[in-house]
C-alpha atoms as a PDB file:
ATOM      1  CA  MET A   1      -9.541  -4.511  13.837  1.00  0.00           C
ATOM      2  CA  PRO A   2     -10.282  -2.683  10.593  1.00  0.00           C
ATOM      3  CA  GLU A   3     -13.935  -3.372   9.745  1.00  0.00           C
ATOM      4  CA  LEU A   4     -15.963  -2.737   6.595  1.00  0.00           C
ATOM      5  CA  PRO A   5     -15.915   1.095   6.832  1.00  0.00           C
ATOM      6  CA  GLU A   6     -12.160   1.185   7.394  1.00  0.00           C
ATOM      7  CA  VAL A   7     -11.424  -1.262   4.571  1.00  0.00           C
ATOM      8  CA  GLU A   8     -13.776   0.596   2.231  1.00  0.00           C
ATOM      9  CA  THR A   9     -12.079   3.869   3.185  1.00  0.00           C
ATOM     10  CA  VAL A  10      -8.708   2.364   2.251  1.00  0.00           C
ATOM     11  CA  ARG A  11     -10.116   1.063  -1.038  1.00  0.00           C
ATOM     12  CA  ARG A  12     -11.614   4.385  -2.077  1.00  0.00           C
ATOM     13  CA  GLY A  13      -8.495   6.296  -1.121  1.00  0.00           C
ATOM     14  CA  LEU A  14      -6.081   4.046  -3.005  1.00  0.00           C
ATOM     15  CA  MET A  15      -8.115   3.244  -6.095  1.00  0.00           C
ATOM     16  CA  PRO A  16      -7.549   6.488  -8.061  1.00  0.00           C
ATOM     17  CA  HIS A  17      -3.792   6.221  -7.532  1.00  0.00           C
ATOM     18  CA  ILE A  18      -3.215   2.606  -8.540  1.00  0.00           C
ATOM     19  CA  VAL A  19      -5.833   1.433 -11.064  1.00  0.00           C
ATOM     20  CA  GLY A  20      -4.345   1.393 -14.555  1.00  0.00           C
ATOM     21  CA  HIS A  21      -0.761   1.223 -13.285  1.00  0.00           C
ATOM     22  CA  ARG A  22       1.524  -1.747 -13.762  1.00  0.00           C
ATOM     23  CA  LEU A  23       3.246  -3.637 -10.986  1.00  0.00           C
ATOM     24  CA  ARG A  24       7.040  -3.787 -11.156  1.00  0.00           C
ATOM     25  CA  GLY A  25       7.184  -6.623  -8.661  1.00  0.00           C
ATOM     26  CA  ALA A  26       7.134  -7.202  -4.926  1.00  0.00           C
ATOM     27  CA  ARG A  27       9.463  -6.912  -1.953  1.00  0.00           C
ATOM     28  CA  VAL A  28       8.653  -9.446   0.753  1.00  0.00           C
ATOM     29  CA  ARG A  29      10.515  -8.803   3.977  1.00  0.00           C
ATOM     30  CA  HIS A  30       8.599 -11.234   6.164  1.00  0.00           C
ATOM     31  CA  PRO A  31       6.551 -13.959   4.447  1.00  0.00           C
ATOM     32  CA  GLN A  32       5.032 -15.437   7.611  1.00  0.00           C
ATOM     33  CA  LEU A  33       1.718 -13.651   7.966  1.00  0.00           C
ATOM     34  CA  ARG A  34      -1.577 -15.376   8.814  1.00  0.00           C
ATOM     35  CA  TRP A  35      -0.903 -17.515   5.761  1.00  0.00           C
ATOM     36  CA  PRO A  36       2.526 -17.578   4.052  1.00  0.00           C
ATOM     37  CA  VAL A  37       3.049 -14.960   1.361  1.00  0.00           C
ATOM     38  CA  PRO A  38       3.565 -16.805  -1.966  1.00  0.00           C
ATOM     39  CA  ALA A  39       7.248 -17.506  -2.530  1.00  0.00           C
ATOM     40  CA  LYS A  40       6.942 -16.465  -6.196  1.00  0.00           C
ATOM     41  CA  LEU A  41       4.887 -13.327  -5.562  1.00  0.00           C
ATOM     42  CA  ASP A  42       7.384 -11.086  -7.356  1.00  0.00           C
ATOM     43  CA  SER A  43       7.301 -13.071 -10.598  1.00  0.00           C
ATOM     44  CA  LEU A  44       3.539 -13.682 -10.400  1.00  0.00           C
ATOM     45  CA  ILE A  45       2.653  -9.993 -10.406  1.00  0.00           C
ATOM     46  CA  LYS A  46       5.550  -8.421 -12.324  1.00  0.00           C
ATOM     47  CA  GLY A  47       4.398  -6.504 -15.379  1.00  0.00           C
ATOM     48  CA  GLN A  48       0.693  -6.969 -14.695  1.00  0.00           C
ATOM     49  CA  ARG A  49      -1.685  -4.022 -14.954  1.00  0.00           C
ATOM     50  CA  ILE A  50      -4.063  -3.290 -12.086  1.00  0.00           C
ATOM     51  CA  GLY A  51      -7.606  -3.415 -13.418  1.00  0.00           C
ATOM     52  CA  ALA A  52      -9.534  -2.721 -10.214  1.00  0.00           C
ATOM     53  CA  LEU A  53      -9.376  -2.586  -6.441  1.00  0.00           C
ATOM     54  CA  GLU A  54     -12.494  -4.199  -5.015  1.00  0.00           C
ATOM     55  CA  ARG A  55     -13.767  -5.166  -1.582  1.00  0.00           C
ATOM     56  CA  ARG A  56     -15.612  -8.240  -0.321  1.00  0.00           C
ATOM     57  CA  GLY A  57     -16.399  -8.019   3.374  1.00  0.00           C
ATOM     58  CA  LYS A  58     -13.119  -7.034   5.016  1.00  0.00           C
ATOM     59  CA  TYR A  59     -10.970  -8.343   2.151  1.00  0.00           C
ATOM     60  CA  LEU A  60      -9.458  -6.185  -0.583  1.00  0.00           C
ATOM     61  CA  ILE A  61      -9.167  -7.719  -4.044  1.00  0.00           C
ATOM     62  CA  LEU A  62      -6.483  -6.382  -6.378  1.00  0.00           C
ATOM     63  CA  GLN A  63      -7.667  -7.464  -9.812  1.00  0.00           C
ATOM     64  CA  LEU A  64      -4.832  -7.986 -12.306  1.00  0.00           C
ATOM     65  CA  GLU A  65      -4.762  -8.950 -15.987  1.00  0.00           C
ATOM     66  CA  ASN A  66      -4.176 -12.579 -15.067  1.00  0.00           C
ATOM     67  CA  GLY A  67      -5.358 -13.435 -11.576  1.00  0.00           C
ATOM     68  CA  GLY A  68      -5.258 -11.179  -8.586  1.00  0.00           C
ATOM     69  CA  LEU A  69      -4.286 -10.649  -4.968  1.00  0.00           C
ATOM     70  CA  LEU A  70      -6.454 -11.129  -1.917  1.00  0.00           C
ATOM     71  CA  LEU A  71      -5.389  -8.703   0.821  1.00  0.00           C
ATOM     72  CA  HIS A  72      -6.440  -8.592   4.474  1.00  0.00           C
ATOM     73  CA  LEU A  73      -5.317  -6.070   7.090  1.00  0.00           C
ATOM     74  CA  GLY A  74      -5.594  -8.452  10.034  1.00  0.00           C
ATOM     75  CA  MET A  75      -6.062  -7.071  13.540  1.00  0.00           C
ATOM     76  CA  SER A  76      -4.042  -3.886  13.271  1.00  0.00           C
ATOM     77  CA  GLY A  77      -2.599  -3.713   9.774  1.00  0.00           C
ATOM     78  CA  SER A  78      -2.604  -0.927   7.206  1.00  0.00           C
ATOM     79  CA  LEU A  79      -2.115  -0.666   3.456  1.00  0.00           C
ATOM     80  CA  ARG A  80      -0.553   2.650   2.498  1.00  0.00           C
ATOM     81  CA  LEU A  81       0.751   4.320  -0.630  1.00  0.00           C
ATOM     82  CA  VAL A  82       4.375   5.377  -0.101  1.00  0.00           C
ATOM     83  CA  ASP A  83       7.363   6.326  -2.207  1.00  0.00           C
ATOM     84  CA  ALA A  84       9.068   3.059  -3.154  1.00  0.00           C
ATOM     85  CA  GLY A  85      12.340   4.333  -1.696  1.00  0.00           C
ATOM     86  CA  THR A  86      10.887   5.047   1.742  1.00  0.00           C
ATOM     87  CA  PRO A  87      12.882   3.032   4.291  1.00  0.00           C
ATOM     88  CA  PRO A  88      10.736   0.286   5.828  1.00  0.00           C
ATOM     89  CA  GLU A  89       9.910   0.261   9.505  1.00  0.00           C
ATOM     90  CA  LYS A  90       9.828  -2.769  11.781  1.00  0.00           C
ATOM     91  CA  HIS A  91       6.400  -4.100  10.798  1.00  0.00           C
ATOM     92  CA  ASP A  92       6.450  -3.201   7.080  1.00  0.00           C
ATOM     93  CA  HIS A  93       6.362  -6.727   5.644  1.00  0.00           C
ATOM     94  CA  VAL A  94       5.351  -6.462   1.969  1.00  0.00           C
ATOM     95  CA  ASP A  95       5.694  -3.813  -0.763  1.00  0.00           C
ATOM     96  CA  LEU A  96       3.851  -4.029  -4.078  1.00  0.00           C
ATOM     97  CA  LEU A  97       5.927  -1.863  -6.417  1.00  0.00           C
ATOM     98  CA  LEU A  98       4.176   0.367  -8.948  1.00  0.00           C
ATOM     99  CA  ASP A  99       5.435   1.803 -12.222  1.00  0.00           C
ATOM    100  CA  SER A 100       4.704   5.274 -10.769  1.00  0.00           C
ATOM    101  CA  GLY A 101       7.660   4.931  -8.406  1.00  0.00           C
ATOM    102  CA  GLN A 102       5.362   4.337  -5.469  1.00  0.00           C
ATOM    103  CA  ALA A 103       4.514   1.195  -3.540  1.00  0.00           C
ATOM    104  CA  LEU A 104       1.562  -0.301  -1.728  1.00  0.00           C
ATOM    105  CA  ARG A 105       3.056  -1.102   1.673  1.00  0.00           C
ATOM    106  CA  LEU A 106       1.477  -3.596   4.060  1.00  0.00           C
ATOM    107  CA  ARG A 107       2.228  -2.885   7.693  1.00  0.00           C
ATOM    108  CA  ASP A 108       1.067  -5.627  10.046  1.00  0.00           C
ATOM    109  CA  PRO A 109       2.380  -5.586  13.634  1.00  0.00           C
ATOM    110  CA  ARG A 110       0.548  -8.767  14.664  1.00  0.00           C
ATOM    111  CA  ARG A 111       1.007 -10.615  11.350  1.00  0.00           C
ATOM    112  CA  PHE A 112      -2.670 -11.597  11.177  1.00  0.00           C
ATOM    113  CA  GLY A 113      -3.051 -10.069   7.715  1.00  0.00           C
ATOM    114  CA  ALA A 114      -2.740 -11.772   4.349  1.00  0.00           C
ATOM    115  CA  VAL A 115      -1.362 -11.388   0.837  1.00  0.00           C
ATOM    116  CA  LEU A 116      -2.639 -14.309  -1.221  1.00  0.00           C
ATOM    117  CA  TRP A 117      -2.358 -15.014  -4.963  1.00  0.00           C
ATOM    118  CA  CYS A 118      -5.553 -16.207  -6.654  1.00  0.00           C
ATOM    119  CA  GLU A 119      -6.124 -17.162 -10.271  1.00  0.00           C
ATOM    120  CA  GLU A 120      -9.816 -16.350  -9.770  1.00  0.00           C
ATOM    121  CA  PRO A 121     -10.166 -14.220  -6.603  1.00  0.00           C
ATOM    122  CA  ALA A 122     -13.980 -14.247  -6.546  1.00  0.00           C
ATOM    123  CA  SER A 123     -14.007 -18.047  -6.198  1.00  0.00           C
ATOM    124  CA  HIS A 124     -11.488 -18.190  -3.335  1.00  0.00           C
ATOM    125  CA  PRO A 125     -12.874 -20.218  -0.376  1.00  0.00           C
ATOM    126  CA  LEU A 126     -12.310 -17.277   1.994  1.00  0.00           C
ATOM    127  CA  LEU A 127     -14.804 -15.245  -0.052  1.00  0.00           C
ATOM    128  CA  THR A 128     -17.354 -17.827  -1.145  1.00  0.00           C
ATOM    129  CA  SER A 129     -18.332 -18.562   2.478  1.00  0.00           C
ATOM    130  CA  LEU A 130     -19.165 -14.919   3.245  1.00  0.00           C
ATOM    131  CA  GLY A 131     -22.696 -13.630   3.756  1.00  0.00           C
ATOM    132  CA  ILE A 132     -24.600 -10.764   2.194  1.00  0.00           C
ATOM    133  CA  GLU A 133     -23.004  -7.345   1.700  1.00  0.00           C
ATOM    134  CA  PRO A 134     -24.944  -4.843   3.860  1.00  0.00           C
ATOM    135  CA  LEU A 135     -24.384  -1.911   1.492  1.00  0.00           C
ATOM    136  CA  GLU A 136     -25.678  -3.704  -1.579  1.00  0.00           C
ATOM    137  CA  ARG A 137     -29.251  -3.344  -2.843  1.00  0.00           C
ATOM    138  CA  GLY A 138     -30.065  -6.944  -1.929  1.00  0.00           C
ATOM    139  CA  PHE A 139     -29.804  -6.189   1.775  1.00  0.00           C
ATOM    140  CA  ASP A 140     -32.994  -4.714   3.205  1.00  0.00           C
ATOM    141  CA  GLY A 141     -35.646  -5.376   5.836  1.00  0.00           C
ATOM    142  CA  ALA A 142     -37.097  -8.291   3.882  1.00  0.00           C
ATOM    143  CA  SER A 143     -33.760 -10.082   3.501  1.00  0.00           C
ATOM    144  CA  LEU A 144     -32.812  -9.432   7.138  1.00  0.00           C
ATOM    145  CA  HIS A 145     -36.193 -10.750   8.296  1.00  0.00           C
ATOM    146  CA  ALA A 146     -35.618 -13.929   6.285  1.00  0.00           C
ATOM    147  CA  LEU A 147     -32.147 -14.333   7.786  1.00  0.00           C
ATOM    148  CA  THR A 148     -33.494 -14.087  11.345  1.00  0.00           C
ATOM    149  CA  ARG A 149     -36.164 -16.761  10.999  1.00  0.00           C
ATOM    150  CA  GLY A 150     -35.484 -19.844  13.094  1.00  0.00           C
ATOM    151  CA  ARG A 151     -32.451 -18.296  14.763  1.00  0.00           C
ATOM    152  CA  SER A 152     -32.501 -18.100  18.553  1.00  0.00           C
ATOM    153  CA  THR A 153     -29.147 -16.329  18.826  1.00  0.00           C
ATOM    154  CA  ALA A 154     -29.014 -12.732  20.057  1.00  0.00           C
ATOM    155  CA  ILE A 155     -29.563 -10.236  17.267  1.00  0.00           C
ATOM    156  CA  LYS A 156     -26.176  -8.626  17.873  1.00  0.00           C
ATOM    157  CA  HIS A 157     -24.464 -11.989  17.346  1.00  0.00           C
ATOM    158  CA  LEU A 158     -26.397 -12.543  14.135  1.00  0.00           C
ATOM    159  CA  ILE A 159     -25.565  -9.247  12.458  1.00  0.00           C
ATOM    160  CA  MET A 160     -21.886  -9.710  13.380  1.00  0.00           C
ATOM    161  CA  ASP A 161     -21.721 -13.214  11.866  1.00  0.00           C
ATOM    162  CA  ALA A 162     -19.721 -12.846   8.629  1.00  0.00           C
ATOM    163  CA  HIS A 163     -21.384 -15.962   7.217  1.00  0.00           C
ATOM    164  CA  VAL A 164     -24.714 -14.136   7.481  1.00  0.00           C
ATOM    165  CA  ILE A 165     -23.862 -10.444   6.953  1.00  0.00           C
ATOM    166  CA  VAL A 166     -20.317  -9.300   6.231  1.00  0.00           C
ATOM    167  CA  GLY A 167     -18.476  -6.387   7.772  1.00  0.00           C
ATOM    168  CA  VAL A 168     -20.752  -5.346  10.657  1.00  0.00           C
ATOM    169  CA  GLY A 169     -18.105  -5.346  13.383  1.00  0.00           C
ATOM    170  CA  ASN A 170     -18.642  -4.748  17.082  1.00  0.00           C
ATOM    171  CA  ILE A 171     -18.570  -0.958  16.927  1.00  0.00           C
ATOM    172  CA  TYR A 172     -21.084  -0.737  14.098  1.00  0.00           C
ATOM    173  CA  ALA A 173     -23.381  -3.419  15.508  1.00  0.00           C
ATOM    174  CA  ASN A 174     -23.646  -1.455  18.765  1.00  0.00           C
ATOM    175  CA  GLU A 175     -24.329   1.807  16.959  1.00  0.00           C
ATOM    176  CA  ALA A 176     -26.852   0.359  14.480  1.00  0.00           C
ATOM    177  CA  LEU A 177     -28.845  -1.406  17.194  1.00  0.00           C
ATOM    178  CA  PHE A 178     -29.040   1.836  19.154  1.00  0.00           C
ATOM    179  CA  GLN A 179     -30.210   3.734  16.088  1.00  0.00           C
ATOM    180  CA  ALA A 180     -32.892   1.082  15.461  1.00  0.00           C
ATOM    181  CA  GLY A 181     -33.985   1.072  19.129  1.00  0.00           C
ATOM    182  CA  ILE A 182     -33.361  -2.679  19.548  1.00  0.00           C
ATOM    183  CA  ARG A 183     -31.834  -4.355  22.627  1.00  0.00           C
ATOM    184  CA  PRO A 184     -28.671  -6.257  21.602  1.00  0.00           C
ATOM    185  CA  THR A 185     -29.698  -9.345  23.589  1.00  0.00           C
ATOM    186  CA  LEU A 186     -33.061  -9.801  21.846  1.00  0.00           C
ATOM    187  CA  ARG A 187     -33.469 -13.160  20.111  1.00  0.00           C
ATOM    188  CA  ALA A 188     -33.083 -12.720  16.363  1.00  0.00           C
ATOM    189  CA  ASP A 189     -36.247 -14.685  15.574  1.00  0.00           C
ATOM    190  CA  LYS A 190     -38.291 -12.318  17.769  1.00  0.00           C
ATOM    191  CA  LEU A 191     -37.756  -9.385  15.400  1.00  0.00           C
ATOM    192  CA  SER A 192     -40.842  -8.393  13.443  1.00  0.00           C
ATOM    193  CA  ARG A 193     -40.644  -7.307   9.830  1.00  0.00           C
ATOM    194  CA  PRO A 194     -41.019  -3.575  10.743  1.00  0.00           C
ATOM    195  CA  ARG A 195     -38.162  -3.860  13.234  1.00  0.00           C
ATOM    196  CA  CYS A 196     -36.031  -5.623  10.625  1.00  0.00           C
ATOM    197  CA  ASP A 197     -36.803  -2.736   8.263  1.00  0.00           C
ATOM    198  CA  ARG A 198     -35.517  -0.297  10.895  1.00  0.00           C
ATOM    199  CA  LEU A 199     -32.432  -2.336  11.679  1.00  0.00           C
ATOM    200  CA  ALA A 200     -31.434  -2.888   8.038  1.00  0.00           C
ATOM    201  CA  ALA A 201     -31.777   0.845   7.400  1.00  0.00           C
ATOM    202  CA  ALA A 202     -29.775   1.608  10.563  1.00  0.00           C
ATOM    203  CA  ILE A 203     -26.963  -0.752   9.528  1.00  0.00           C
ATOM    204  CA  LYS A 204     -26.720   0.884   6.114  1.00  0.00           C
ATOM    205  CA  ASP A 205     -26.841   4.392   7.552  1.00  0.00           C
ATOM    206  CA  THR A 206     -24.251   3.645  10.260  1.00  0.00           C
ATOM    207  CA  LEU A 207     -21.795   2.119   7.792  1.00  0.00           C
ATOM    208  CA  ARG A 208     -22.240   4.937   5.273  1.00  0.00           C
ATOM    209  CA  ARG A 209     -21.713   7.611   7.917  1.00  0.00           C
ATOM    210  CA  ALA A 210     -18.615   5.784   9.131  1.00  0.00           C
ATOM    211  CA  ILE A 211     -17.195   5.620   5.606  1.00  0.00           C
ATOM    212  CA  LYS A 212     -17.900   9.331   5.107  1.00  0.00           C
ATOM    213  CA  ALA A 213     -15.968  10.034   8.326  1.00  0.00           C
ATOM    214  CA  GLY A 214     -13.027   7.900   7.183  1.00  0.00           C
ATOM    215  CA  GLY A 215     -13.779   5.014   9.546  1.00  0.00           C
ATOM    216  CA  SER A 216     -12.897   4.711  13.227  1.00  0.00           C
ATOM    217  CA  THR A 217      -9.425   5.154  14.687  1.00  0.00           C
ATOM    218  CA  LEU A 218      -9.387   3.787  18.241  1.00  0.00           C
ATOM    219  CA  ARG A 219      -5.755   2.687  18.271  1.00  0.00           C
ATOM    220  CA  ASP A 220      -3.765   2.587  15.059  1.00  0.00           C
ATOM    221  CA  PHE A 221      -6.026   2.532  11.982  1.00  0.00           C
ATOM    222  CA  VAL A 222      -4.950   4.838   9.165  1.00  0.00           C
ATOM    223  CA  ASN A 223      -6.167   5.028   5.581  1.00  0.00           C
ATOM    224  CA  GLY A 224      -4.091   4.518   2.446  1.00  0.00           C
ATOM    225  CA  HIS A 225      -2.462   7.921   2.891  1.00  0.00           C
ATOM    226  CA  GLY A 226      -1.652   7.504   6.599  1.00  0.00           C
ATOM    227  CA  GLU A 227      -4.611   9.564   7.866  1.00  0.00           C
ATOM    228  CA  PRO A 228      -6.855   8.550  10.827  1.00  0.00           C
ATOM    229  CA  GLY A 229     -10.635   8.206  10.748  1.00  0.00           C
ATOM    230  CA  TYR A 230     -13.033  10.364  12.777  1.00  0.00           C
ATOM    231  CA  PHE A 231     -16.239   8.355  13.200  1.00  0.00           C
ATOM    232  CA  GLN A 232     -15.374   7.647  16.858  1.00  0.00           C
ATOM    233  CA  GLN A 233     -16.180  11.276  17.623  1.00  0.00           C
ATOM    234  CA  SER A 234     -19.873  10.653  16.879  1.00  0.00           C
ATOM    235  CA  TYR A 235     -20.518   7.376  18.727  1.00  0.00           C
ATOM    236  CA  PHE A 236     -23.867   7.237  20.505  1.00  0.00           C
ATOM    237  CA  VAL A 237     -23.132   4.201  22.708  1.00  0.00           C
ATOM    238  CA  TYR A 238     -19.861   2.438  21.886  1.00  0.00           C
ATOM    239  CA  GLY A 239     -17.232   3.008  24.577  1.00  0.00           C
ATOM    240  CA  ARG A 240     -19.557   5.332  26.537  1.00  0.00           C
ATOM    241  CA  ALA A 241     -20.497   3.138  29.525  1.00  0.00           C
ATOM    242  CA  GLY A 242     -21.793   5.291  32.397  1.00  0.00           C
ATOM    243  CA  GLU A 243     -22.062   8.405  30.243  1.00  0.00           C
ATOM    244  CA  PRO A 244     -25.463   9.973  29.527  1.00  0.00           C
ATOM    245  CA  CYS A 245     -27.325   8.863  26.406  1.00  0.00           C
ATOM    246  CA  ARG A 246     -27.142  11.579  23.773  1.00  0.00           C
ATOM    247  CA  ARG A 247     -30.883  11.180  23.194  1.00  0.00           C
ATOM    248  CA  CYS A 248     -32.538  10.594  26.573  1.00  0.00           C
ATOM    249  CA  GLY A 249     -29.836  11.217  29.189  1.00  0.00           C
ATOM    250  CA  ALA A 250     -29.981   7.726  30.781  1.00  0.00           C
ATOM    251  CA  PRO A 251     -26.569   6.184  31.634  1.00  0.00           C
ATOM    252  CA  ILE A 252     -25.220   3.941  28.883  1.00  0.00           C
ATOM    253  CA  LYS A 253     -24.926   0.324  30.056  1.00  0.00           C
ATOM    254  CA  LEU A 254     -22.166  -2.209  29.373  1.00  0.00           C
ATOM    255  CA  LEU A 255     -22.504  -5.978  29.232  1.00  0.00           C
ATOM    256  CA  ARG A 256     -20.486  -8.844  27.746  1.00  0.00           C
ATOM    257  CA  GLN A 257     -21.753 -10.992  24.898  1.00  0.00           C
ATOM    258  CA  ALA A 258     -19.504 -13.790  23.681  1.00  0.00           C
ATOM    259  CA  ASN A 259     -16.526 -11.986  25.234  1.00  0.00           C
ATOM    260  CA  ARG A 260     -17.325  -8.802  23.305  1.00  0.00           C
ATOM    261  CA  ALA A 261     -18.286  -5.492  24.899  1.00  0.00           C
ATOM    262  CA  THR A 262     -21.878  -4.486  24.238  1.00  0.00           C
ATOM    263  CA  TYR A 263     -23.076  -0.940  24.893  1.00  0.00           C
ATOM    264  CA  TYR A 264     -26.725   0.098  24.911  1.00  0.00           C
ATOM    265  CA  CYS A 265     -29.192   2.596  26.337  1.00  0.00           C
ATOM    266  CA  PRO A 266     -31.707   0.847  28.660  1.00  0.00           C
ATOM    267  CA  ARG A 267     -34.310   3.496  27.910  1.00  0.00           C
ATOM    268  CA  CYS A 268     -33.939   3.921  24.138  1.00  0.00           C
ATOM    269  CA  GLN A 269     -33.433   0.176  23.581  1.00  0.00           C
ATOM    270  CA  LYS A 270     -36.086  -1.299  25.856  1.00  0.00           C
ATOM    271  CA  ASN A 271     -36.667  -4.490  23.890  1.00  0.00           C
END
């Protein structure tokens, strides 16, 4: 699933090519995504200028003159800039047509994505329930320490909870915990303030490095121009069970937490 780094990579890649342009309308080939695509999408967006392309968690927000669109890539979707005349493929469900002759094309094989119209996108219920943005200035060791108090859940579960911190998916939780030297199974309320300082810094650093590398492409993620990401080439623990730790040489271990794969080094992440 595209996580924060992948969605941010898409946002940064598309933004210079679409902001300031007007929408000529929409082509909806299959309206049944995770939620139905608005039946009047074409008339709702026609003629509106794109003011910004923003991100909240794993959602993209296309800000228009009057209202906006909330976009989600689902489990395996992509949002790409193509020539409007490019023939659609099987899973190309929605085109947002630009006055430049191009189109923003949503491809969504599993149909878990979304294209939703919002009069005020920032107040949409899908966004108002989200937690703190890990790349914003308000997220640091102090705020993470406060979030962990009174929580007996494993720290990996906590940092992956979108109602607490948004966008730290499984890959990046594994990598950040390794960088901070913290065992994924440790109870969240057992983290001291210094360890929260290390973990908050590790989360920020991991996400920023992933964005710089264009995100992770394990199966089918591509950015807005159809290009894969390369962060998977620098993983320290994720997907490396049985391989030697890049720091100490100990075999990387694999366990299951809430049906998710967790990778860690038993020597570098002792507690």
